Protein backbone atom coordinates (compact mmCIF):
# COMPACT_ATOMS: atom_id res chain seq x y z
CA MET A 1 -19.56 16.26 15.01
CA GLN A 2 -16.91 14.02 16.55
CA GLN A 3 -14.97 11.94 14.16
CA LYS A 4 -15.19 8.62 15.93
CA LYS A 5 -19.05 8.78 15.65
CA ILE A 6 -19.16 9.35 11.78
CA GLY A 7 -18.81 6.91 8.95
CA LEU A 8 -16.13 6.16 6.61
CA ASN A 9 -17.49 7.97 3.69
CA THR A 10 -18.33 10.99 5.77
CA ILE A 11 -14.80 11.14 6.97
CA CYS A 12 -13.62 10.56 3.47
CA THR A 13 -15.76 13.55 2.21
CA HIS A 14 -15.60 16.09 5.16
CA VAL A 15 -12.82 15.57 7.55
CA GLY A 16 -9.71 17.56 6.76
CA GLU A 17 -11.22 19.85 4.33
CA VAL A 18 -10.12 23.62 4.11
CA LYS A 19 -13.05 25.95 4.66
CA ASP A 20 -13.50 28.56 1.83
CA GLU A 21 -14.24 31.31 4.16
CA GLN A 22 -14.17 34.07 1.37
CA PHE A 23 -16.42 32.56 -1.34
CA LYS A 24 -18.08 29.62 0.53
CA GLY A 25 -17.17 27.10 -2.11
CA ALA A 26 -18.28 23.44 -1.65
CA VAL A 27 -14.57 22.28 -2.01
CA SER A 28 -11.38 23.05 -0.36
CA PRO A 29 -9.57 26.06 -1.88
CA LEU A 30 -6.02 25.62 -3.07
CA TYR A 31 -3.28 27.60 -1.56
CA MET A 32 -0.24 27.30 -3.85
CA SER A 33 2.15 29.85 -2.11
CA SER A 34 5.49 28.70 -1.22
CA SER A 35 6.17 31.66 0.95
CA TYR A 36 4.31 32.80 4.01
CA ALA A 37 4.56 35.51 6.57
CA PHE A 38 6.54 34.87 9.78
CA GLU A 39 5.57 37.98 11.80
CA ASP A 40 2.50 38.19 13.77
CA VAL A 41 1.10 34.78 12.70
CA ASP A 42 0.15 31.75 14.79
CA VAL A 43 1.97 29.13 12.43
CA LYS A 44 5.24 29.92 10.52
CA ARG A 45 4.19 28.07 7.36
CA TYR A 46 6.77 26.59 4.90
CA PRO A 47 6.06 23.83 2.40
CA ARG A 48 8.93 21.70 3.46
CA TYR A 49 7.70 21.68 7.00
CA PHE A 50 4.50 19.92 5.95
CA ASN A 51 2.25 22.76 7.29
CA THR A 52 0.87 24.65 4.56
CA PRO A 53 -3.04 24.95 4.85
CA ASN A 54 -3.74 22.16 2.50
CA GLN A 55 -0.93 19.96 3.80
CA GLU A 56 -2.15 20.41 7.42
CA ALA A 57 -5.88 19.59 6.48
CA LEU A 58 -4.99 16.49 4.58
CA CYS A 59 -2.92 15.21 7.39
CA LYS A 60 -6.07 15.40 9.54
CA LYS A 61 -8.03 13.30 7.04
CA ILE A 62 -5.37 10.74 6.88
CA ALA A 63 -5.22 10.43 10.64
CA ALA A 64 -9.01 10.23 10.96
CA LEU A 65 -9.10 7.38 8.26
CA GLU A 66 -6.46 5.38 10.20
CA HIS A 67 -7.77 6.07 13.53
CA THR A 68 -4.68 7.87 14.71
CA GLN A 69 -3.76 11.06 16.48
CA ALA A 70 -1.78 12.56 13.56
CA GLY A 71 -0.37 11.99 10.16
CA LEU A 72 2.05 13.11 7.66
CA ILE A 73 2.11 13.30 3.82
CA PHE A 74 5.12 12.58 1.45
CA GLY A 75 6.12 12.89 -2.03
CA SER A 76 5.95 9.13 -2.61
CA GLY A 77 5.29 5.96 -0.72
CA MET A 78 9.11 5.33 -0.65
CA ALA A 79 9.79 8.68 0.91
CA ALA A 80 7.21 7.83 3.60
CA ILE A 81 8.77 4.26 4.18
CA THR A 82 12.30 5.52 4.19
CA THR A 83 11.73 8.35 6.58
CA SER A 84 9.71 6.33 8.99
CA LEU A 85 12.26 3.56 9.21
CA MET A 86 15.20 5.96 9.43
CA ALA A 87 13.41 7.95 12.20
CA PHE A 88 13.57 4.96 14.55
CA LEU A 89 16.91 3.44 13.43
CA ARG A 90 20.44 4.52 13.77
CA ALA A 91 23.95 2.95 13.46
CA GLY A 92 24.10 -0.23 15.62
CA ASP A 93 20.47 -0.76 15.65
CA HIS A 94 18.58 -3.88 14.09
CA VAL A 95 15.30 -4.20 12.28
CA VAL A 96 13.16 -7.37 11.74
CA LEU A 97 11.30 -7.40 8.32
CA GLN A 98 8.71 -9.65 6.80
CA GLN A 99 9.92 -12.12 4.30
CA VAL A 100 7.96 -11.05 1.36
CA LEU A 101 7.94 -7.25 0.85
CA TYR A 102 7.34 -4.77 -1.92
CA GLY A 103 10.61 -4.79 -4.00
CA GLY A 104 11.37 -1.12 -3.48
CA THR A 105 11.31 -1.65 0.36
CA TYR A 106 13.47 -4.80 -0.09
CA ASN A 107 15.97 -2.90 -2.24
CA LEU A 108 16.17 0.04 0.29
CA VAL A 109 17.20 -2.30 3.03
CA VAL A 110 19.69 -4.44 1.17
CA GLU A 111 21.26 -1.52 -0.88
CA GLU A 112 21.36 1.35 1.80
CA PHE A 113 21.20 0.01 5.48
CA ASP A 114 24.60 -1.46 5.51
CA LYS A 115 25.97 2.11 4.70
CA PHE A 116 24.29 3.38 7.79
CA GLY A 117 25.45 0.57 9.97
CA ILE A 118 21.93 -0.69 10.42
CA GLU A 119 21.53 -4.40 10.78
CA TYR A 120 18.51 -6.22 9.49
CA SER A 121 16.94 -9.66 9.29
CA PHE A 122 14.30 -11.10 7.15
CA THR A 123 11.98 -13.71 8.53
CA HIS A 124 11.36 -17.28 7.08
CA GLY A 125 7.62 -17.02 7.43
CA TRP A 126 4.73 -14.92 8.50
CA ALA A 127 3.94 -16.61 11.99
CA PRO A 128 4.59 -14.57 15.25
CA GLU A 129 7.44 -17.06 16.19
CA ASP A 130 9.05 -16.29 12.86
CA PHE A 131 9.42 -12.79 13.96
CA GLU A 132 10.33 -13.48 17.51
CA LYS A 133 13.31 -15.75 16.34
CA LYS A 134 14.78 -12.81 14.61
CA ILE A 135 14.60 -10.31 17.50
CA ARG A 136 18.14 -9.32 19.02
CA SER A 137 19.19 -7.15 21.81
CA ASN A 138 19.58 -4.27 19.54
CA THR A 139 16.33 -4.76 17.59
CA LYS A 140 14.37 -1.55 17.52
CA VAL A 141 11.64 -2.06 14.96
CA ILE A 142 9.42 -4.89 13.36
CA TYR A 143 8.33 -4.13 9.76
CA ILE A 144 5.47 -5.94 8.23
CA GLU A 145 3.20 -5.72 4.94
CA THR A 146 -0.15 -7.32 4.80
CA PRO A 147 -1.60 -8.24 2.59
CA SER A 148 1.76 -8.60 1.04
CA ASN A 149 2.85 -7.57 -2.41
CA PRO A 150 2.39 -9.67 -4.71
CA LEU A 151 1.43 -12.99 -3.20
CA LEU A 152 -1.18 -11.63 -0.77
CA THR A 153 0.05 -13.23 2.34
CA ILE A 154 -1.65 -12.26 5.62
CA THR A 155 0.38 -11.30 8.79
CA ASP A 156 -1.44 -11.37 12.27
CA LEU A 157 -1.52 -7.87 13.26
CA ASP A 158 -2.79 -8.43 16.77
CA ALA A 159 0.13 -10.84 17.33
CA ILE A 160 2.64 -8.77 15.84
CA GLY A 161 1.43 -5.71 17.94
CA LYS A 162 1.74 -7.60 21.20
CA LEU A 163 5.17 -9.07 20.23
CA ALA A 164 6.47 -5.52 19.50
CA LYS A 165 5.17 -4.25 22.93
CA LYS A 166 6.47 -7.49 24.83
CA HIS A 167 9.97 -6.51 23.56
CA GLY A 168 9.62 -2.74 23.57
CA LEU A 169 9.85 -2.36 19.83
CA ILE A 170 8.14 -0.10 17.39
CA SER A 171 5.98 -1.91 14.75
CA MET A 172 5.34 -0.51 11.38
CA ILE A 173 3.08 -1.83 8.50
CA ASP A 174 2.83 -1.00 4.95
CA ASN A 175 -1.05 -0.89 4.62
CA THR A 176 -1.23 0.09 0.98
CA PHE A 177 -2.69 -2.97 -0.45
CA ALA A 178 -5.60 -3.03 2.04
CA SER A 179 -6.07 0.74 2.44
CA PRO A 180 -7.84 2.51 5.38
CA VAL A 181 -11.28 1.19 4.00
CA ASN A 182 -10.28 -2.49 4.54
CA GLN A 183 -7.91 -2.40 7.36
CA ASN A 184 -6.88 -0.20 10.35
CA PRO A 185 -3.76 -1.77 11.95
CA ILE A 186 -3.83 0.88 14.79
CA ASP A 187 -6.85 -0.85 16.16
CA PHE A 188 -4.75 -4.08 16.47
CA GLY A 189 -1.82 -2.39 18.23
CA ILE A 190 0.49 -1.61 15.30
CA ASP A 191 2.36 1.72 16.08
CA VAL A 192 3.10 3.22 12.51
CA VAL A 193 0.91 2.88 9.61
CA ILE A 194 2.45 3.54 5.98
CA HIS A 195 0.80 4.03 2.65
CA SER A 196 1.75 4.66 -0.85
CA ALA A 197 -1.09 7.15 -1.37
CA THR A 198 -0.37 6.87 -5.06
CA LYS A 199 -2.47 3.70 -4.83
CA TYR A 200 -6.02 3.45 -3.38
CA MET A 201 -5.95 6.80 -1.67
CA GLY A 202 -5.21 8.41 -5.00
CA GLY A 203 -7.10 5.97 -6.95
CA HIS A 204 -6.85 7.48 -10.41
CA SER A 205 -3.32 6.70 -11.60
CA ASP A 206 -2.41 10.33 -11.84
CA ILE A 207 -0.53 11.37 -8.59
CA LEU A 208 2.45 10.34 -6.65
CA ALA A 209 2.21 10.59 -2.83
CA GLY A 210 2.96 8.73 0.50
CA ALA A 211 1.40 8.87 3.83
CA VAL A 212 2.15 8.02 7.56
CA ALA A 213 -0.30 7.89 10.48
CA SER A 214 0.54 7.27 14.20
CA SER A 215 0.58 8.89 17.61
CA GLU A 216 1.45 12.44 18.04
CA GLU A 217 4.83 11.38 19.53
CA ASN A 218 5.78 9.02 16.82
CA ILE A 219 4.72 11.67 14.05
CA ASN A 220 6.73 14.39 15.75
CA ARG A 221 9.86 12.03 15.69
CA ILE A 222 9.16 11.17 11.93
CA PHE A 223 8.70 14.87 11.17
CA ALA A 224 12.12 15.77 12.83
CA LEU A 225 13.64 13.64 10.17
CA ALA A 226 11.20 14.46 7.27
CA LYS A 227 11.97 18.26 7.20
CA ASN A 228 15.76 17.35 6.71
CA PHE A 229 15.05 14.67 4.10
CA GLY A 230 12.86 17.14 2.07
CA GLY A 231 10.12 14.64 0.87
CA SER A 232 7.25 17.00 1.03
CA LEU A 233 4.41 17.10 -1.35
CA SER A 234 3.35 20.12 -3.57
CA ASP A 235 0.10 21.66 -2.60
CA TYR A 236 -1.42 21.02 -5.94
CA THR A 237 -0.91 17.19 -5.39
CA VAL A 238 -2.17 17.50 -1.88
CA TRP A 239 -5.53 19.19 -3.18
CA LEU A 240 -5.72 16.37 -5.83
CA LEU A 241 -5.30 13.82 -3.18
CA GLU A 242 -8.01 15.28 -0.95
CA ARG A 243 -10.22 15.24 -3.82
CA SER A 244 -9.49 11.64 -4.60
CA LEU A 245 -9.96 10.54 -1.05
CA LYS A 246 -13.59 11.68 -0.95
CA THR A 247 -14.52 8.72 -3.19
CA MET A 248 -12.10 6.11 -1.65
CA GLY A 249 -14.72 4.36 0.29
CA LEU A 250 -17.01 3.88 -2.73
CA ARG A 251 -14.10 3.00 -5.06
CA VAL A 252 -12.50 0.27 -2.78
CA LYS A 253 -15.76 -1.43 -1.92
CA ALA A 254 -16.47 -1.80 -5.54
CA GLN A 255 -12.96 -3.10 -6.07
CA ASN A 256 -13.36 -5.54 -3.32
CA ALA A 257 -16.56 -6.91 -4.88
CA ASN A 258 -14.86 -7.25 -8.38
CA ALA A 259 -11.57 -8.83 -7.15
CA GLN A 260 -13.64 -11.38 -5.23
CA HIS A 261 -15.63 -12.17 -8.46
CA MET A 262 -12.37 -12.30 -10.49
CA ALA A 263 -10.62 -14.53 -7.95
CA GLU A 264 -13.37 -17.03 -8.14
CA TYR A 265 -13.51 -17.07 -11.86
CA LEU A 266 -9.72 -17.47 -12.09
CA PHE A 267 -9.64 -20.22 -9.23
CA GLY A 268 -11.65 -22.68 -11.46
CA HIS A 269 -10.00 -21.71 -14.79
CA LYS A 270 -8.09 -24.54 -16.59
CA ALA A 271 -5.43 -21.98 -17.76
CA VAL A 272 -4.65 -20.91 -14.13
CA THR A 273 -2.63 -23.02 -11.86
CA ARG A 274 -2.92 -20.95 -8.74
CA VAL A 275 -4.73 -17.81 -7.36
CA TYR A 276 -3.64 -15.65 -4.45
CA TYR A 277 -6.44 -13.84 -2.78
CA PRO A 278 -7.35 -13.76 0.89
CA GLY A 279 -11.13 -13.73 0.10
CA LEU A 280 -10.88 -17.28 -1.42
CA LYS A 281 -11.68 -20.07 1.21
CA SER A 282 -8.69 -21.90 -0.21
CA HIS A 283 -6.28 -19.10 0.95
CA PRO A 284 -4.25 -20.48 3.94
CA ASP A 285 -4.99 -17.30 5.78
CA HIS A 286 -8.53 -16.71 4.89
CA GLU A 287 -9.87 -16.94 8.54
CA LEU A 288 -7.06 -14.61 9.82
CA ALA A 289 -7.96 -12.20 6.98
CA LYS A 290 -11.63 -12.21 8.00
CA SER A 291 -10.66 -11.34 11.61
CA GLN A 292 -8.66 -8.38 10.89
CA MET A 293 -9.96 -6.92 7.50
CA ASN A 294 -13.22 -5.18 6.57
CA GLY A 295 -12.85 -6.44 2.90
CA PHE A 296 -10.47 -8.56 1.15
CA GLY A 297 -9.12 -5.92 -1.25
CA GLY A 298 -8.82 -5.25 -4.98
CA MET A 299 -5.53 -6.91 -5.26
CA LEU A 300 -4.94 -10.64 -6.38
CA SER A 301 -2.22 -12.58 -8.11
CA PHE A 302 -2.36 -15.67 -10.38
CA GLU A 303 -0.13 -18.11 -12.16
CA LEU A 304 -0.81 -19.15 -15.64
CA HIS A 305 -0.34 -22.68 -16.74
CA GLU A 306 3.08 -23.25 -18.55
CA ASP A 307 1.11 -23.70 -21.77
CA TYR A 308 0.40 -19.89 -21.66
CA ASP A 309 3.03 -17.39 -22.03
CA ALA A 310 2.39 -14.62 -19.33
CA THR A 311 4.03 -11.83 -21.47
CA GLN A 312 2.09 -12.61 -24.66
CA PHE A 313 -1.25 -12.93 -22.69
CA GLN A 314 -0.73 -9.54 -21.38
CA LYS A 315 -0.03 -8.15 -24.78
CA GLU A 316 -3.28 -9.66 -26.09
CA LEU A 317 -5.42 -7.84 -23.42
CA GLN A 318 -7.72 -5.20 -24.92
CA LEU A 319 -9.60 -3.70 -21.90
CA ILE A 320 -7.14 -4.52 -18.94
CA LYS A 321 -4.08 -2.53 -19.17
CA PRO A 322 -0.66 -4.08 -18.89
CA SER A 323 0.82 -1.37 -16.76
CA MET A 324 3.03 -0.61 -13.68
CA SER A 325 1.60 0.32 -10.45
CA LEU A 326 -1.77 -0.40 -9.15
CA ALA A 327 -5.24 0.49 -7.49
CA GLY A 328 -6.63 2.74 -10.03
CA VAL A 329 -10.28 2.63 -11.18
CA GLU A 330 -8.98 0.90 -14.29
CA SER A 331 -7.96 -2.74 -14.13
CA THR A 332 -4.34 -3.43 -14.85
CA MET A 333 -1.99 -6.55 -14.85
CA LEU A 334 1.84 -6.77 -14.67
CA SER A 335 4.52 -9.35 -14.26
CA PRO A 336 6.12 -8.82 -10.82
CA THR A 337 9.50 -10.41 -12.05
CA LYS A 338 9.71 -7.67 -14.72
CA THR A 339 8.58 -4.64 -12.53
CA SER A 340 7.63 -4.37 -8.95
CA HIS A 341 10.18 -7.12 -7.95
CA ALA A 342 12.70 -6.78 -10.75
CA LEU A 343 15.14 -5.28 -8.32
CA LEU A 344 15.33 -8.66 -6.50
CA GLY A 345 17.62 -11.22 -8.00
CA ALA A 346 16.16 -14.38 -9.56
CA GLU A 347 17.24 -16.59 -6.61
CA GLU A 348 15.59 -14.29 -4.12
CA ARG A 349 12.40 -14.10 -6.19
CA ALA A 350 12.35 -17.89 -6.31
CA LYS A 351 12.85 -18.09 -2.66
CA GLN A 352 9.87 -15.89 -2.16
CA GLY A 353 7.68 -17.86 -4.55
CA ILE A 354 7.49 -15.05 -7.18
CA LEU A 355 7.80 -17.06 -10.51
CA ASP A 356 8.11 -15.81 -14.02
CA GLY A 357 4.46 -16.94 -14.79
CA LEU A 358 2.97 -14.97 -11.78
CA ILE A 359 0.71 -12.14 -12.87
CA ARG A 360 -0.40 -9.50 -10.43
CA PHE A 361 -3.98 -8.21 -11.13
CA SER A 362 -5.25 -4.77 -9.77
CA VAL A 363 -9.02 -5.07 -10.30
CA GLY A 364 -10.83 -1.97 -11.01
CA ILE A 365 -14.36 -0.86 -11.13
CA GLU A 366 -15.45 -2.12 -14.65
CA GLU A 367 -18.16 -4.81 -14.99
CA PRO A 368 -16.64 -8.20 -14.12
CA GLU A 369 -18.32 -9.60 -17.05
CA ASP A 370 -16.32 -7.37 -19.45
CA LEU A 371 -13.03 -8.19 -17.59
CA ILE A 372 -13.76 -11.90 -18.01
CA ALA A 373 -14.46 -11.48 -21.67
CA ASP A 374 -11.18 -9.56 -22.08
CA ILE A 375 -9.19 -12.32 -20.29
CA GLU A 376 -10.89 -15.09 -22.29
CA GLN A 377 -10.09 -13.60 -25.57
CA ALA A 378 -6.53 -13.04 -24.72
CA LEU A 379 -6.13 -16.54 -23.35
CA GLU A 380 -7.73 -18.04 -26.55
CA LYS A 381 -5.29 -16.14 -28.78
CA VAL A 382 -2.16 -17.25 -26.57
CA ARG A 383 -3.54 -20.90 -26.71
CA LEU A 384 -4.08 -20.72 -30.45
CA GLY A 385 -0.68 -19.12 -31.02
CA ARG A 386 0.87 -21.90 -29.11
CA VAL A 387 -0.94 -24.53 -31.06
CA ALA A 388 0.19 -22.88 -34.32
CA THR A 389 3.79 -22.75 -33.11
CA THR A 390 3.93 -26.36 -31.94
CA SER A 391 1.97 -27.92 -34.85
């Protein structure tokens, strides 16, 4: 069976599984060994070299899901991001980065790159010309994130892919928010696709992992650094991630539908001043999102009216969990200024449009009516508390 001719859920379920040749079990056996033979073997296996049986198999699944030749898995999303960027950058090089990024990525760049003599520029927008303005003679990489965290901005994949090729650059994307279910950047000319596999790939808020997918040539280059950085993943976590990926297609499509429902509900709510979700026609990049995404994702953000305290609102929630991270089957909310983007200074957050009243909403697979009821009761308590305080 050829991978290109099978569907998403079939890839999730069957590609990259380890065959149980001994007992014929229906799921991949788990090989926990950290020590393998080196004589008279086809592959000299070593966990830090990303080539144990479970590691190798999972990399094939990641590659198949992102329509690439090869993949690598890491101990975290930041390990995947750091290793990928550093594999293509050295002292004297320059990288162009999208204006709004995950806070951890931003912090990596501003805290560490100067130490390595790597120059960097952040764009002032998301249009192709904003990126081209920042390209220098020593630029090697363009790095984007779409939809972005936490404002769900959309960057034109096809335009960035073409721009990178025009200037002989490597293009990279953090594809975490979309997941391979909703977006395959390689199909639009992007070179390297990165994921925090903790999120939609894992999907159950119980593992930490990262993933990279690209051509054989690019993956070999990333691997050459990865084996020295040591960001490999334990085989037990690899096994859990493969298990989780089997249901990713089903989970993400349910989350897409729920997020659309919740975005439309919040958009018309008197307590909400703004909703950020590419599935809304009011989103400035709605048409662009339609052209490059298979679904609009399970993530949205919204700003509460100043009469409602965002912190107290989250404390009053009973079903939705005020919790860090995202993309689990359970719905969660958080304040980016206190969590994902706390490492950014207040001035930088304001420049990016990340305000104190902003709430990031990771929509799970619950019934949307139950999520709405929870939000309503929390808002009512906050409103009544405000009235009591001011009366």
